[in-house]
Amino acid sequence: MKKLFSVLVALAALGAAACNTVEGAGQDVESAGEAVQDAAD
């Protein structure tokens, strides 16, 4: 579980670095949150 969380954080950081707008960052954060929620289920 800890490893999965670390991977998700890394992906979120890469996504945030790649996006050019605040809206894009919000979508990246939302996607990461959904991935965590799905992993918990």
PDB file of N, CA and C in Angstrom:
ATOM      1  N   MET A   1       0.838  -1.196   0.000  1.00  0.00           N
ATOM      2  CA  MET A   1       0.000   0.000   0.000  1.00  0.00           C
ATOM      3  C   MET A   1       0.874   1.248   0.000  1.00  0.00           C
ATOM      4  N   LYS A   2       1.937   1.223   0.780  1.00  0.00           N
ATOM      5  CA  LYS A   2       2.839   2.372   0.849  1.00  0.00           C
ATOM      6  C   LYS A   2       3.527   2.606  -0.498  1.00  0.00           C
ATOM      7  N   LYS A   3       3.893   1.505  -1.165  1.00  0.00           N
ATOM      8  CA  LYS A   3       4.541   1.611  -2.474  1.00  0.00           C
ATOM      9  C   LYS A   3       3.567   2.186  -3.499  1.00  0.00           C
ATOM     10  N   LEU A   4       2.326   1.746  -3.477  1.00  0.00           N
ATOM     11  CA  LEU A   4       1.306   2.256  -4.395  1.00  0.00           C
ATOM     12  C   LEU A   4       1.115   3.748  -4.189  1.00  0.00           C
ATOM     13  N   PHE A   5       1.045   4.178  -2.950  1.00  0.00           N
ATOM     14  CA  PHE A   5       0.879   5.597  -2.652  1.00  0.00           C
ATOM     15  C   PHE A   5       2.061   6.403  -3.176  1.00  0.00           C
ATOM     16  N   SER A   6       3.261   5.880  -3.010  1.00  0.00           N
ATOM     17  CA  SER A   6       4.463   6.557  -3.491  1.00  0.00           C
ATOM     18  C   SER A   6       4.423   6.715  -5.005  1.00  0.00           C
ATOM     19  N   VAL A   7       3.991   5.671  -5.693  1.00  0.00           N
ATOM     20  CA  VAL A   7       3.885   5.731  -7.157  1.00  0.00           C
ATOM     21  C   VAL A   7       2.851   6.773  -7.570  1.00  0.00           C
ATOM     22  N   LEU A   8       1.720   6.801  -6.893  1.00  0.00           N
ATOM     23  CA  LEU A   8       0.677   7.768  -7.218  1.00  0.00           C
ATOM     24  C   LEU A   8       1.144   9.201  -6.979  1.00  0.00           C
ATOM     25  N   VAL A   9       1.869   9.414  -5.909  1.00  0.00           N
ATOM     26  CA  VAL A   9       2.403  10.751  -5.625  1.00  0.00           C
ATOM     27  C   VAL A   9       3.377  11.164  -6.721  1.00  0.00           C
ATOM     28  N   ALA A  10       4.222  10.249  -7.146  1.00  0.00           N
ATOM     29  CA  ALA A  10       5.182  10.554  -8.202  1.00  0.00           C
ATOM     30  C   ALA A  10       4.463  10.890  -9.503  1.00  0.00           C
ATOM     31  N   LEU A  11       3.430  10.129  -9.831  1.00  0.00           N
ATOM     32  CA  LEU A  11       2.658  10.408 -11.050  1.00  0.00           C
ATOM     33  C   LEU A  11       1.952  11.752 -10.960  1.00  0.00           C
ATOM     34  N   ALA A  12       1.418  12.057  -9.811  1.00  0.00           N
ATOM     35  CA  ALA A  12       0.752  13.352  -9.628  1.00  0.00           C
ATOM     36  C   ALA A  12       1.747  14.492  -9.784  1.00  0.00           C
ATOM     37  N   ALA A  13       2.945  14.319  -9.254  1.00  0.00           N
ATOM     38  CA  ALA A  13       3.970  15.359  -9.371  1.00  0.00           C
ATOM     39  C   ALA A  13       4.370  15.557 -10.828  1.00  0.00           C
ATOM     40  N   LEU A  14       4.526  14.466 -11.552  1.00  0.00           N
ATOM     41  CA  LEU A  14       4.863  14.571 -12.970  1.00  0.00           C
ATOM     42  C   LEU A  14       3.729  15.225 -13.752  1.00  0.00           C
ATOM     43  N   GLY A  15       2.507  14.839 -13.442  1.00  0.00           N
ATOM     44  CA  GLY A  15       1.354  15.433 -14.122  1.00  0.00           C
ATOM     45  C   GLY A  15       1.241  16.914 -13.834  1.00  0.00           C
ATOM     46  N   ALA A  16       1.479  17.309 -12.597  1.00  0.00           N
ATOM     47  CA  ALA A  16       1.401  18.725 -12.233  1.00  0.00           C
ATOM     48  C   ALA A  16       2.504  19.510 -12.923  1.00  0.00           C
ATOM     49  N   ALA A  17       3.666  18.907 -13.064  1.00  0.00           N
ATOM     50  CA  ALA A  17       4.780  19.588 -13.730  1.00  0.00           C
ATOM     51  C   ALA A  17       4.511  19.724 -15.224  1.00  0.00           C
ATOM     52  N   ALA A  18       3.766  18.773 -15.786  1.00  0.00           N
ATOM     53  CA  ALA A  18       3.528  18.773 -17.225  1.00  0.00           C
ATOM     54  C   ALA A  18       2.379  19.702 -17.632  1.00  0.00           C
ATOM     55  N   CYS A  19       1.463  19.971 -16.740  1.00  0.00           N
ATOM     56  CA  CYS A  19       0.311  20.776 -17.134  1.00  0.00           C
ATOM     57  C   CYS A  19       0.650  22.256 -17.115  1.00  0.00           C
ATOM     58  N   ASN A  20      -0.018  23.025 -17.975  1.00  0.00           N
ATOM     59  CA  ASN A  20       0.298  24.444 -18.125  1.00  0.00           C
ATOM     60  C   ASN A  20      -0.725  25.360 -17.486  1.00  0.00           C
ATOM     61  N   THR A  21      -1.835  24.795 -17.023  1.00  0.00           N
ATOM     62  CA  THR A  21      -2.887  25.646 -16.470  1.00  0.00           C
ATOM     63  C   THR A  21      -3.322  25.150 -15.103  1.00  0.00           C
ATOM     64  N   VAL A  22      -3.949  26.016 -14.350  1.00  0.00           N
ATOM     65  CA  VAL A  22      -4.486  25.636 -13.040  1.00  0.00           C
ATOM     66  C   VAL A  22      -5.576  24.590 -13.221  1.00  0.00           C
ATOM     67  N   GLU A  23      -6.374  24.733 -14.260  1.00  0.00           N
ATOM     68  CA  GLU A  23      -7.435  23.757 -14.533  1.00  0.00           C
ATOM     69  C   GLU A  23      -6.829  22.370 -14.776  1.00  0.00           C
ATOM     70  N   GLY A  24      -5.755  22.322 -15.521  1.00  0.00           N
ATOM     71  CA  GLY A  24      -5.080  21.051 -15.782  1.00  0.00           C
ATOM     72  C   GLY A  24      -4.552  20.432 -14.501  1.00  0.00           C
ATOM     73  N   ALA A  25      -4.010  21.265 -13.615  1.00  0.00           N
ATOM     74  CA  ALA A  25      -3.503  20.764 -12.337  1.00  0.00           C
ATOM     75  C   ALA A  25      -4.642  20.189 -11.514  1.00  0.00           C
ATOM     76  N   GLY A  26      -5.785  20.860 -11.524  1.00  0.00           N
ATOM     77  CA  GLY A  26      -6.952  20.371 -10.793  1.00  0.00           C
ATOM     78  C   GLY A  26      -7.401  19.019 -11.313  1.00  0.00           C
ATOM     79  N   GLN A  27      -7.376  18.855 -12.616  1.00  0.00           N
ATOM     80  CA  GLN A  27      -7.762  17.569 -13.206  1.00  0.00           C
ATOM     81  C   GLN A  27      -6.776  16.481 -12.816  1.00  0.00           C
ATOM     82  N   ASP A  28      -5.489  16.821 -12.785  1.00  0.00           N
ATOM     83  CA  ASP A  28      -4.474  15.842 -12.376  1.00  0.00           C
ATOM     84  C   ASP A  28      -4.680  15.408 -10.936  1.00  0.00           C
ATOM     85  N   VAL A  29      -4.951  16.369 -10.066  1.00  0.00           N
ATOM     86  CA  VAL A  29      -5.176  16.055  -8.653  1.00  0.00           C
ATOM     87  C   VAL A  29      -6.421  15.192  -8.507  1.00  0.00           C
ATOM     88  N   GLU A  30      -7.465  15.517  -9.250  1.00  0.00           N
ATOM     89  CA  GLU A  30      -8.705  14.741  -9.189  1.00  0.00           C
ATOM     90  C   GLU A  30      -8.452  13.311  -9.657  1.00  0.00           C
ATOM     91  N   SER A  31      -7.703  13.145 -10.731  1.00  0.00           N
ATOM     92  CA  SER A  31      -7.385  11.812 -11.240  1.00  0.00           C
ATOM     93  C   SER A  31      -6.597  11.006 -10.219  1.00  0.00           C
ATOM     94  N   ALA A  32      -5.633  11.646  -9.578  1.00  0.00           N
ATOM     95  CA  ALA A  32      -4.842  10.954  -8.562  1.00  0.00           C
ATOM     96  C   ALA A  32      -5.720  10.549  -7.387  1.00  0.00           C
ATOM     97  N   GLY A  33      -6.630  11.423  -6.988  1.00  0.00           N
ATOM     98  CA  GLY A  33      -7.549  11.108  -5.892  1.00  0.00           C
ATOM     99  C   GLY A  33      -8.444   9.933  -6.225  1.00  0.00           C
ATOM    100  N   GLU A  34      -8.925   9.902  -7.452  1.00  0.00           N
ATOM    101  CA  GLU A  34      -9.775   8.788  -7.873  1.00  0.00           C
ATOM    102  C   GLU A  34      -8.984   7.485  -7.892  1.00  0.00           C
ATOM    103  N   ALA A  35      -7.725   7.548  -8.313  1.00  0.00           N
ATOM    104  CA  ALA A  35      -6.884   6.343  -8.342  1.00  0.00           C
ATOM    105  C   ALA A  35      -6.667   5.809  -6.938  1.00  0.00           C
ATOM    106  N   VAL A  36      -6.444   6.690  -5.977  1.00  0.00           N
ATOM    107  CA  VAL A  36      -6.277   6.269  -4.587  1.00  0.00           C
ATOM    108  C   VAL A  36      -7.558   5.646  -4.074  1.00  0.00           C
ATOM    109  N   GLN A  37      -8.676   6.268  -4.412  1.00  0.00           N
ATOM    110  CA  GLN A  37      -9.983   5.758  -3.957  1.00  0.00           C
ATOM    111  C   GLN A  37     -10.240   4.368  -4.555  1.00  0.00           C
ATOM    112  N   ASP A  38      -9.938   4.191  -5.847  1.00  0.00           N
ATOM    113  CA  ASP A  38     -10.134   2.895  -6.483  1.00  0.00           C
ATOM    114  C   ASP A  38      -9.219   1.833  -5.882  1.00  0.00           C
ATOM    115  N   ALA A  39      -7.999   2.216  -5.547  1.00  0.00           N
ATOM    116  CA  ALA A  39      -7.069   1.268  -4.948  1.00  0.00           C
ATOM    117  C   ALA A  39      -7.539   0.835  -3.569  1.00  0.00           C
ATOM    118  N   ALA A  40      -8.188   1.753  -2.844  1.00  0.00           N
ATOM    119  CA  ALA A  40      -8.681   1.439  -1.505  1.00  0.00           C
ATOM    120  C   ALA A  40      -9.868   0.470  -1.577  1.00  0.00           C
ATOM    121  N   ASP A  41     -10.616   0.531  -2.650  1.00  0.00           N
ATOM    122  CA  ASP A  41     -11.763  -0.374  -2.829  1.00  0.00           C
ATOM    123  C   ASP A  41     -11.263  -1.716  -3.232  1.00  0.00           C
TER     124      ASP A  41
END
